[in-house]
């Protein structure tokens, strides 16, 4: 399953943002339009780097599909950032 929504929340000492819901599924529209160019560039990079293009695409897809459920916490002594991918 591909990621559909990212939730970003930022906390600082004097303010806190409400959770910001980012619809990642809207990124599929430009990605589909640019797919032929992306595949040609990826194929060229794979040939130049002597990597199997099929394996590179399969690996990229596996990483993309593994993103849902990812939680990233970044904390400093003054602020926090939380990113969740659903």
Protein backbone atom coordinates (compact mmCIF):
# COMPACT_ATOMS: atom_id res chain seq x y z
CA UNK A 1 0.00 0.00 0.00
CA UNK A 2 1.37 3.41 -0.91
CA UNK A 3 1.39 6.29 1.59
CA UNK A 4 -1.72 8.47 1.41
CA UNK A 5 -1.44 11.07 4.18
CA UNK A 6 1.38 12.65 6.17
CA UNK A 7 0.69 14.38 9.48
CA UNK A 8 3.19 17.05 10.52
CA UNK A 9 3.17 18.68 13.96
CA UNK A 10 5.64 21.28 15.27
CA UNK A 11 6.04 22.29 18.92
CA UNK A 12 8.12 25.18 20.20
CA UNK A 13 8.38 26.73 23.70
CA UNK A 14 5.96 29.58 22.97
CA UNK A 15 3.67 28.06 20.34
CA UNK A 16 2.34 24.81 19.03
CA UNK A 17 0.87 24.16 15.61
CA UNK A 18 -2.18 22.00 15.14
CA UNK A 19 -1.50 18.79 13.24
CA UNK A 20 -1.14 19.55 9.52
CA UNK A 21 -2.59 16.82 7.30
CA UNK A 22 -0.82 16.62 3.94
CA UNK A 23 -2.61 14.54 1.27
CA UNK A 24 0.20 12.57 -0.37
CA UNK A 25 -2.16 10.91 -2.83
CA UNK A 26 -2.35 14.23 -4.69
CA UNK A 27 1.33 13.81 -5.57
CA UNK A 28 0.39 10.84 -7.74
CA UNK A 29 -1.17 13.15 -10.36
CA UNK A 30 2.10 14.90 -11.34
CA UNK A 31 4.03 11.66 -10.79
CA UNK A 32 1.87 9.87 -13.36
CA UNK A 33 2.28 12.72 -15.83
CA UNK A 34 6.06 12.70 -15.39
CA UNK A 35 6.34 8.89 -15.28
CA UNK A 36 7.81 8.48 -18.80
CA UNK A 37 10.54 11.04 -18.08
CA UNK A 38 11.24 9.60 -14.64
CA UNK A 39 11.55 6.06 -16.06
CA UNK A 40 13.90 7.20 -18.86
CA UNK A 41 16.15 9.04 -16.40
CA UNK A 42 16.09 6.10 -14.00
CA UNK A 43 16.93 3.70 -16.83
CA UNK A 44 19.84 5.94 -17.94
CA UNK A 45 21.22 6.15 -14.41
CA UNK A 46 20.92 2.38 -14.00
CA UNK A 47 22.75 1.71 -17.28
CA UNK A 48 25.49 4.21 -16.37
CA UNK A 49 25.86 2.67 -12.91
CA UNK A 50 25.60 -0.92 -14.19
CA UNK A 51 22.53 -1.69 -12.08
CA UNK A 52 19.65 -3.89 -13.20
CA UNK A 53 16.79 -1.42 -13.97
CA UNK A 54 14.09 -3.94 -13.02
CA UNK A 55 15.68 -4.53 -9.65
CA UNK A 56 16.10 -0.77 -9.06
CA UNK A 57 12.40 -0.14 -9.80
CA UNK A 58 11.36 -3.06 -7.57
CA UNK A 59 13.52 -1.73 -4.73
CA UNK A 60 12.15 1.80 -5.11
CA UNK A 61 8.58 0.47 -5.08
CA UNK A 62 9.26 -1.67 -1.99
CA UNK A 63 10.63 1.35 -0.12
CA UNK A 64 7.64 3.48 -1.18
CA UNK A 65 5.16 0.82 -0.07
CA UNK A 66 7.00 0.41 3.24
CA UNK A 67 6.50 4.06 4.25
CA UNK A 68 3.00 3.80 5.82
CA UNK A 69 3.34 3.53 9.58
CA UNK A 70 6.59 5.49 9.66
CA UNK A 71 6.99 7.93 12.55
CA UNK A 72 9.82 10.46 12.65
CA UNK A 73 10.53 12.46 15.83
CA UNK A 74 13.09 15.25 15.73
CA UNK A 75 13.74 16.93 19.08
CA UNK A 76 16.06 19.74 20.08
CA UNK A 77 16.33 21.42 23.46
CA UNK A 78 13.77 24.01 22.31
CA UNK A 79 11.41 22.41 19.81
CA UNK A 80 9.97 19.17 18.47
CA UNK A 81 8.83 18.02 15.05
CA UNK A 82 6.70 14.91 14.55
CA UNK A 83 5.97 13.42 11.12
CA UNK A 84 3.66 10.43 10.73
CA UNK A 85 2.92 8.75 7.43
CA UNK A 86 -0.37 6.90 7.12
